[in-house]
PDB file of N, CA and C in Angstrom:
ATOM      1  N   MET A   1       1.871 -23.791  15.813  1.00  0.00           N
ATOM      2  CA  MET A   1       0.486 -22.996  15.457  1.00  0.00           C
ATOM      3  C   MET A   1       0.831 -21.657  15.341  1.00  0.00           C
ATOM      4  N   GLU A   2       1.604 -20.934  16.010  1.00  0.00           N
ATOM      5  CA  GLU A   2       1.849 -19.431  15.707  1.00  0.00           C
ATOM      6  C   GLU A   2       2.496 -19.210  14.254  1.00  0.00           C
ATOM      7  N   ARG A   3       3.422 -20.318  13.918  1.00  0.00           N
ATOM      8  CA  ARG A   3       4.011 -20.103  12.597  1.00  0.00           C
ATOM      9  C   ARG A   3       2.816 -20.166  11.348  1.00  0.00           C
ATOM     10  N   ASP A   4       1.743 -21.162  11.772  1.00  0.00           N
ATOM     11  CA  ASP A   4       0.728 -21.044  10.693  1.00  0.00           C
ATOM     12  C   ASP A   4       0.094 -19.748  10.650  1.00  0.00           C
ATOM     13  N   GLY A   5      -0.143 -19.191  11.647  1.00  0.00           N
ATOM     14  CA  GLY A   5      -0.966 -17.901  11.560  1.00  0.00           C
ATOM     15  C   GLY A   5       0.071 -17.040  11.214  1.00  0.00           C
ATOM     16  N   GLN A   6       1.215 -16.983  11.282  1.00  0.00           N
ATOM     17  CA  GLN A   6       2.107 -15.915  10.538  1.00  0.00           C
ATOM     18  C   GLN A   6       2.142 -16.210   9.030  1.00  0.00           C
ATOM     19  N   LEU A   7       2.280 -17.533   8.648  1.00  0.00           N
ATOM     20  CA  LEU A   7       2.245 -17.630   7.229  1.00  0.00           C
ATOM     21  C   LEU A   7       0.895 -17.121   6.661  1.00  0.00           C
ATOM     22  N   GLU A   8      -0.082 -17.389   7.255  1.00  0.00           N
ATOM     23  CA  GLU A   8      -1.478 -17.049   6.716  1.00  0.00           C
ATOM     24  C   GLU A   8      -1.555 -15.570   6.561  1.00  0.00           C
ATOM     25  N   LEU A   9      -0.878 -14.783   7.356  1.00  0.00           N
ATOM     26  CA  LEU A   9      -0.972 -13.488   7.370  1.00  0.00           C
ATOM     27  C   LEU A   9       0.033 -12.829   6.184  1.00  0.00           C
ATOM     28  N   TYR A  10       1.062 -13.536   6.290  1.00  0.00           N
ATOM     29  CA  TYR A  10       2.025 -13.314   5.114  1.00  0.00           C
ATOM     30  C   TYR A  10       1.231 -13.311   3.871  1.00  0.00           C
ATOM     31  N   GLY A  11       0.524 -14.306   3.633  1.00  0.00           N
ATOM     32  CA  GLY A  11      -0.238 -14.574   2.473  1.00  0.00           C
ATOM     33  C   GLY A  11      -1.103 -13.476   2.241  1.00  0.00           C
ATOM     34  N   TYR A  12      -1.837 -12.985   3.311  1.00  0.00           N
ATOM     35  CA  TYR A  12      -2.928 -12.051   3.136  1.00  0.00           C
ATOM     36  C   TYR A  12      -2.242 -10.986   2.765  1.00  0.00           C
ATOM     37  N   VAL A  13      -1.147 -10.391   3.485  1.00  0.00           N
ATOM     38  CA  VAL A  13      -0.527  -9.245   3.127  1.00  0.00           C
ATOM     39  C   VAL A  13      -0.057  -9.246   1.652  1.00  0.00           C
ATOM     40  N   ALA A  14       0.649 -10.148   1.214  1.00  0.00           N
ATOM     41  CA  ALA A  14       0.981 -10.337  -0.106  1.00  0.00           C
ATOM     42  C   ALA A  14      -0.045 -10.077  -1.104  1.00  0.00           C
ATOM     43  N   ASP A  15      -1.265 -10.754  -0.973  1.00  0.00           N
ATOM     44  CA  ASP A  15      -2.405 -10.734  -1.785  1.00  0.00           C
ATOM     45  C   ASP A  15      -2.948  -9.291  -1.699  1.00  0.00           C
ATOM     46  N   ARG A  16      -2.933  -8.808  -0.584  1.00  0.00           N
ATOM     47  CA  ARG A  16      -3.622  -7.397  -0.399  1.00  0.00           C
ATOM     48  C   ARG A  16      -2.668  -6.367  -1.262  1.00  0.00           C
ATOM     49  N   LEU A  17      -1.333  -6.564  -1.106  1.00  0.00           N
ATOM     50  CA  LEU A  17      -0.294  -5.800  -1.699  1.00  0.00           C
ATOM     51  C   LEU A  17      -0.772  -5.735  -3.204  1.00  0.00           C
ATOM     52  N   LYS A  18      -0.674  -7.049  -3.781  1.00  0.00           N
ATOM     53  CA  LYS A  18      -1.019  -7.109  -5.248  1.00  0.00           C
ATOM     54  C   LYS A  18      -2.157  -6.385  -5.640  1.00  0.00           C
ATOM     55  N   VAL A  19      -3.441  -6.300  -4.711  1.00  0.00           N
ATOM     56  CA  VAL A  19      -4.471  -5.871  -5.130  1.00  0.00           C
ATOM     57  C   VAL A  19      -4.357  -4.089  -5.005  1.00  0.00           C
ATOM     58  N   ALA A  20      -3.698  -3.821  -4.092  1.00  0.00           N
ATOM     59  CA  ALA A  20      -3.283  -2.496  -3.897  1.00  0.00           C
ATOM     60  C   ALA A  20      -2.521  -1.748  -5.246  1.00  0.00           C
ATOM     61  N   HIS A  21      -1.468  -2.550  -5.352  1.00  0.00           N
ATOM     62  CA  HIS A  21      -0.618  -2.198  -6.394  1.00  0.00           C
ATOM     63  C   HIS A  21      -1.486  -1.902  -7.794  1.00  0.00           C
ATOM     64  N   ALA A  22      -2.537  -2.861  -7.868  1.00  0.00           N
ATOM     65  CA  ALA A  22      -3.170  -2.918  -9.251  1.00  0.00           C
ATOM     66  C   ALA A  22      -4.087  -1.724  -9.266  1.00  0.00           C
ATOM     67  N   ARG A  23      -4.655  -1.311  -8.036  1.00  0.00           N
ATOM     68  CA  ARG A  23      -5.615  -0.185  -7.907  1.00  0.00           C
ATOM     69  C   ARG A  23      -4.927   0.967  -8.096  1.00  0.00           C
ATOM     70  N   VAL A  24      -3.715   1.241  -7.598  1.00  0.00           N
ATOM     71  CA  VAL A  24      -2.944   2.399  -7.746  1.00  0.00           C
ATOM     72  C   VAL A  24      -2.613   2.617  -9.369  1.00  0.00           C
ATOM     73  N   ARG A  25      -2.399   1.455 -10.020  1.00  0.00           N
ATOM     74  CA  ARG A  25      -2.007   1.515 -11.422  1.00  0.00           C
ATOM     75  C   ARG A  25      -3.104   1.992 -12.240  1.00  0.00           C
ATOM     76  N   SER A  26      -4.317   1.676 -11.720  1.00  0.00           N
ATOM     77  CA  SER A  26      -5.767   1.842 -12.473  1.00  0.00           C
ATOM     78  C   SER A  26      -6.306   3.126 -12.333  1.00  0.00           C
ATOM     79  N   LEU A  27      -5.557   3.863 -11.318  1.00  0.00           N
ATOM     80  CA  LEU A  27      -6.391   5.245 -10.935  1.00  0.00           C
ATOM     81  C   LEU A  27      -6.014   6.266 -12.049  1.00  0.00           C
ATOM     82  N   GLN A  28      -7.152   7.098 -12.277  1.00  0.00           N
ATOM     83  CA  GLN A  28      -6.925   8.245 -13.068  1.00  0.00           C
ATOM     84  C   GLN A  28      -6.511   9.520 -12.276  1.00  0.00           C
ATOM     85  N   VAL A  29      -5.294   9.737 -11.955  1.00  0.00           N
ATOM     86  CA  VAL A  29      -4.938  10.628 -11.117  1.00  0.00           C
ATOM     87  C   VAL A  29      -3.533  11.114 -11.710  1.00  0.00           C
ATOM     88  N   PRO A  30      -3.052  12.379 -11.419  1.00  0.00           N
ATOM     89  CA  PRO A  30      -1.865  12.874 -12.003  1.00  0.00           C
ATOM     90  C   PRO A  30      -0.689  11.851 -11.572  1.00  0.00           C
ATOM     91  N   GLU A  31       0.293  11.734 -12.353  1.00  0.00           N
ATOM     92  CA  GLU A  31       1.492  10.938 -12.156  1.00  0.00           C
ATOM     93  C   GLU A  31       2.159  11.168 -10.802  1.00  0.00           C
ATOM     94  N   GLY A  32       2.271  12.390 -10.316  1.00  0.00           N
ATOM     95  CA  GLY A  32       2.707  12.567  -9.078  1.00  0.00           C
ATOM     96  C   GLY A  32       2.154  11.837  -8.008  1.00  0.00           C
ATOM     97  N   VAL A  33       0.541  12.058  -8.016  1.00  0.00           N
ATOM     98  CA  VAL A  33      -0.053  11.170  -7.068  1.00  0.00           C
ATOM     99  C   VAL A  33       0.222   9.973  -7.152  1.00  0.00           C
ATOM    100  N   ARG A  34       0.264   9.414  -8.143  1.00  0.00           N
ATOM    101  CA  ARG A  34       0.486   7.966  -8.460  1.00  0.00           C
ATOM    102  C   ARG A  34       1.799   7.562  -7.776  1.00  0.00           C
ATOM    103  N   MET A  35       2.891   8.296  -7.956  1.00  0.00           N
ATOM    104  CA  MET A  35       4.193   8.046  -7.678  1.00  0.00           C
ATOM    105  C   MET A  35       4.129   7.908  -6.038  1.00  0.00           C
ATOM    106  N   ALA A  36       3.346   9.182  -5.435  1.00  0.00           N
ATOM    107  CA  ALA A  36       3.274   9.029  -3.886  1.00  0.00           C
ATOM    108  C   ALA A  36       2.639   7.869  -3.328  1.00  0.00           C
ATOM    109  N   LEU A  37       1.599   7.541  -4.206  1.00  0.00           N
ATOM    110  CA  LEU A  37       0.851   6.215  -3.721  1.00  0.00           C
ATOM    111  C   LEU A  37       1.780   4.908  -3.877  1.00  0.00           C
ATOM    112  N   THR A  38       2.562   4.994  -4.690  1.00  0.00           N
ATOM    113  CA  THR A  38       3.339   3.876  -5.048  1.00  0.00           C
ATOM    114  C   THR A  38       4.438   3.774  -3.909  1.00  0.00           C
ATOM    115  N   ARG A  39       5.069   5.070  -3.625  1.00  0.00           N
ATOM    116  CA  ARG A  39       6.068   4.912  -2.629  1.00  0.00           C
ATOM    117  C   ARG A  39       5.448   4.450  -1.364  1.00  0.00           C
ATOM    118  N   LYS A  40       4.186   5.029  -0.863  1.00  0.00           N
ATOM    119  CA  LYS A  40       3.697   4.392   0.366  1.00  0.00           C
ATOM    120  C   LYS A  40       3.538   2.969   0.221  1.00  0.00           C
ATOM    121  N   LEU A  41       3.218   2.376  -0.897  1.00  0.00           N
ATOM    122  CA  LEU A  41       3.210   0.844  -0.845  1.00  0.00           C
ATOM    123  C   LEU A  41       4.496   0.241  -0.748  1.00  0.00           C
ATOM    124  N   LEU A  42       5.546   0.826  -1.261  1.00  0.00           N
ATOM    125  CA  LEU A  42       6.859   0.360  -1.190  1.00  0.00           C
ATOM    126  C   LEU A  42       7.288   0.391   0.307  1.00  0.00           C
ATOM    127  N   VAL A  43       7.108   1.421   1.131  1.00  0.00           N
ATOM    128  CA  VAL A  43       7.303   1.483   2.638  1.00  0.00           C
ATOM    129  C   VAL A  43       6.408   0.560   3.238  1.00  0.00           C
ATOM    130  N   ILE A  44       5.080   0.262   2.897  1.00  0.00           N
ATOM    131  CA  ILE A  44       4.535  -0.782   3.639  1.00  0.00           C
ATOM    132  C   ILE A  44       5.150  -2.245   3.240  1.00  0.00           C
ATOM    133  N   THR A  45       5.527  -2.393   2.081  1.00  0.00           N
ATOM    134  CA  THR A  45       6.229  -3.752   1.561  1.00  0.00           C
ATOM    135  C   THR A  45       7.589  -3.941   2.563  1.00  0.00           C
ATOM    136  N   ALA A  46       8.311  -2.682   2.569  1.00  0.00           N
ATOM    137  CA  ALA A  46       9.549  -2.957   3.390  1.00  0.00           C
ATOM    138  C   ALA A  46       9.316  -3.277   4.791  1.00  0.00           C
ATOM    139  N   ALA A  47       8.228  -2.505   5.330  1.00  0.00           N
ATOM    140  CA  ALA A  47       7.697  -2.907   6.963  1.00  0.00           C
ATOM    141  C   ALA A  47       7.353  -4.170   7.162  1.00  0.00           C
ATOM    142  N   ALA A  48       6.929  -4.786   6.120  1.00  0.00           N
ATOM    143  CA  ALA A  48       6.357  -6.253   6.308  1.00  0.00           C
ATOM    144  C   ALA A  48       7.586  -7.250   6.469  1.00  0.00           C
ATOM    145  N   LYS A  49       8.656  -6.806   6.095  1.00  0.00           N
ATOM    146  CA  LYS A  49       9.940  -7.655   6.143  1.00  0.00           C
ATOM    147  C   LYS A  49      10.464  -7.506   7.905  1.00  0.00           C
ATOM    148  N   HIS A  50       9.924  -6.684   8.567  1.00  0.00           N
ATOM    149  CA  HIS A  50      10.133  -6.342   9.875  1.00  0.00           C
ATOM    150  C   HIS A  50       9.304  -6.517  10.906  1.00  0.00           C
ATOM    151  N   ASP A  51       8.034  -6.139  10.376  1.00  0.00           N
ATOM    152  CA  ASP A  51       6.628  -6.321  11.443  1.00  0.00           C
ATOM    153  C   ASP A  51       5.519  -6.525  10.496  1.00  0.00           C
ATOM    154  N   LEU A  52       5.340  -7.849  10.358  1.00  0.00           N
ATOM    155  CA  LEU A  52       4.250  -8.167   9.401  1.00  0.00           C
ATOM    156  C   LEU A  52       2.850  -7.590  10.052  1.00  0.00           C
ATOM    157  N   ALA A  53       2.595  -7.632  11.190  1.00  0.00           N
ATOM    158  CA  ALA A  53       1.446  -7.155  11.783  1.00  0.00           C
ATOM    159  C   ALA A  53       1.216  -5.648  11.590  1.00  0.00           C
ATOM    160  N   ASP A  54       2.313  -4.918  11.800  1.00  0.00           N
ATOM    161  CA  ASP A  54       2.118  -3.552  11.619  1.00  0.00           C
ATOM    162  C   ASP A  54       1.999  -3.022   9.929  1.00  0.00           C
ATOM    163  N   ALA A  55       2.459  -3.830   9.383  1.00  0.00           N
ATOM    164  CA  ALA A  55       2.462  -3.629   7.873  1.00  0.00           C
ATOM    165  C   ALA A  55       1.055  -4.067   7.356  1.00  0.00           C
ATOM    166  N   ALA A  56       0.442  -5.027   7.863  1.00  0.00           N
ATOM    167  CA  ALA A  56      -1.096  -5.394   7.589  1.00  0.00           C
ATOM    168  C   ALA A  56      -1.875  -4.163   8.074  1.00  0.00           C
ATOM    169  N   ARG A  57      -1.594  -3.538   9.166  1.00  0.00           N
ATOM    170  CA  ARG A  57      -2.322  -2.599   9.684  1.00  0.00           C
ATOM    171  C   ARG A  57      -2.206  -1.464   8.741  1.00  0.00           C
ATOM    172  N   ARG A  58      -1.210  -1.019   8.472  1.00  0.00           N
ATOM    173  CA  ARG A  58      -0.770   0.073   7.573  1.00  0.00           C
ATOM    174  C   ARG A  58      -1.477   0.021   6.122  1.00  0.00           C
ATOM    175  N   LEU A  59      -1.466  -1.417   5.653  1.00  0.00           N
ATOM    176  CA  LEU A  59      -1.937  -1.709   4.245  1.00  0.00           C
ATOM    177  C   LEU A  59      -3.537  -1.268   4.456  1.00  0.00           C
ATOM    178  N   GLU A  60      -4.196  -1.940   5.472  1.00  0.00           N
ATOM    179  CA  GLU A  60      -5.530  -1.600   5.465  1.00  0.00           C
ATOM    180  C   GLU A  60      -5.974  -0.239   5.675  1.00  0.00           C
ATOM    181  N   TRP A  61      -5.243   0.736   6.459  1.00  0.00           N
ATOM    182  CA  TRP A  61      -5.423   2.062   6.309  1.00  0.00           C
ATOM    183  C   TRP A  61      -5.081   2.725   5.096  1.00  0.00           C
ATOM    184  N   PHE A  62      -3.920   2.311   4.172  1.00  0.00           N
ATOM    185  CA  PHE A  62      -3.812   2.569   2.861  1.00  0.00           C
ATOM    186  C   PHE A  62      -5.045   2.509   1.913  1.00  0.00           C
ATOM    187  N   MET A  63      -5.610   1.130   2.147  1.00  0.00           N
ATOM    188  CA  MET A  63      -6.908   0.815   1.295  1.00  0.00           C
ATOM    189  C   MET A  63      -8.137   1.599   1.677  1.00  0.00           C
ATOM    190  N   ASP A  64      -8.079   1.811   2.881  1.00  0.00           N
ATOM    191  CA  ASP A  64      -9.093   2.762   3.328  1.00  0.00           C
ATOM    192  C   ASP A  64      -9.275   4.037   2.894  1.00  0.00           C
ATOM    193  N   ASP A  65      -8.179   4.545   2.669  1.00  0.00           N
ATOM    194  CA  ASP A  65      -7.749   5.938   2.115  1.00  0.00           C
ATOM    195  C   ASP A  65      -8.111   5.787   0.685  1.00  0.00           C
ATOM    196  N   LEU A  66      -7.722   4.737  -0.018  1.00  0.00           N
ATOM    197  CA  LEU A  66      -8.103   4.784  -1.462  1.00  0.00           C
ATOM    198  C   LEU A  66      -9.449   4.656  -1.664  1.00  0.00           C
ATOM    199  N   ASP A  67     -10.218   3.803  -0.720  1.00  0.00           N
ATOM    200  CA  ASP A  67     -11.646   3.566  -0.875  1.00  0.00           C
ATOM    201  C   ASP A  67     -12.354   4.955  -0.780  1.00  0.00           C
ATOM    202  N   ALA A  68     -11.889   5.961   0.162  1.00  0.00           N
ATOM    203  CA  ALA A  68     -12.561   6.959   0.626  1.00  0.00           C
ATOM    204  C   ALA A  68     -12.033   8.127  -0.584  1.00  0.00           C
ATOM    205  N   GLY A  69     -11.100   7.743  -1.444  1.00  0.00           N
ATOM    206  CA  GLY A  69     -10.557   8.878  -2.342  1.00  0.00           C
ATOM    207  C   GLY A  69      -9.669   9.751  -1.752  1.00  0.00           C
ATOM    208  N   ARG A  70      -9.008   9.519  -0.523  1.00  0.00           N
ATOM    209  CA  ARG A  70      -8.008  10.317   0.055  1.00  0.00           C
ATOM    210  C   ARG A  70      -6.641  10.027  -0.436  1.00  0.00           C
ATOM    211  N   PHE A  71      -6.138  11.060  -1.337  1.00  0.00           N
ATOM    212  CA  PHE A  71      -4.933  10.861  -2.090  1.00  0.00           C
ATOM    213  C   PHE A  71      -3.666  11.819  -1.259  1.00  0.00           C
ATOM    214  N   PRO A  72      -2.746  11.756  -1.591  1.00  0.00           N
ATOM    215  CA  PRO A  72      -1.499  12.634  -0.842  1.00  0.00           C
ATOM    216  C   PRO A  72      -1.794  14.003  -1.588  1.00  0.00           C
ATOM    217  N   GLU A  73      -1.592  15.093  -0.980  1.00  0.00           N
ATOM    218  CA  GLU A  73      -1.904  16.223  -1.460  1.00  0.00           C
ATOM    219  C   GLU A  73      -0.827  17.025  -1.860  1.00  0.00           C
ATOM    220  N   ASP A  74       0.407  16.768  -1.303  1.00  0.00           N
ATOM    221  CA  ASP A  74       1.533  17.324  -1.605  1.00  0.00           C
ATOM    222  C   ASP A  74       2.298  16.842  -2.929  1.00  0.00           C
ATOM    223  N   ALA A  75       1.829  15.788  -3.553  1.00  0.00           N
ATOM    224  CA  ALA A  75       2.525  15.347  -4.582  1.00  0.00           C
ATOM    225  C   ALA A  75       2.290  16.410  -5.894  1.00  0.00           C
ATOM    226  N   ARG A  76       3.392  16.389  -6.550  1.00  0.00           N
ATOM    227  CA  ARG A  76       3.344  17.330  -7.651  1.00  0.00           C
ATOM    228  C   ARG A  76       2.573  16.728  -8.874  1.00  0.00           C
ATOM    229  N   ALA A  77       1.890  17.549  -9.421  1.00  0.00           N
ATOM    230  CA  ALA A  77       0.894  16.767 -10.663  1.00  0.00           C
ATOM    231  C   ALA A  77       2.134  16.325 -11.942  1.00  0.00           C
ATOM    232  N   ASP A  78       3.342  16.885 -11.916  1.00  0.00           N
ATOM    233  CA  ASP A  78       4.263  16.368 -12.998  1.00  0.00           C
ATOM    234  C   ASP A  78       5.075  15.159 -12.594  1.00  0.00           C
ATOM    235  N   GLY A  79       4.903  14.635 -11.316  1.00  0.00           N
ATOM    236  CA  GLY A  79       5.820  13.571 -10.863  1.00  0.00           C
ATOM    237  C   GLY A  79       7.056  13.833 -10.296  1.00  0.00           C
ATOM    238  N   SER A  80       7.482  15.181 -10.207  1.00  0.00           N
ATOM    239  CA  SER A  80       8.692  15.531  -9.882  1.00  0.00           C
ATOM    240  C   SER A  80       8.611  15.561  -8.194  1.00  0.00           C
ATOM    241  N   PRO A  81       9.979  15.226  -7.649  1.00  0.00           N
ATOM    242  CA  PRO A  81      10.015  15.332  -6.213  1.00  0.00           C
ATOM    243  C   PRO A  81       9.763  16.480  -5.498  1.00  0.00           C
TER     244      PRO A  81
END
């Protein structure tokens, strides 16, 4: 039974990551902001390999920030690190 829940959570996280990546791609923001958001998504993706529940929480926080228009402030507009 627990395995089914884990598979369901994995599917949920995978679907939400796809949505999040699509939303980041469609944002009208400077390239540096887009890169910073993409890096955050890559960190969440990597976290999912080790702690799926934590990755799901982090992804929800990320999506909440996107919905609220909260973007990284320290990203350079030209995309350089």
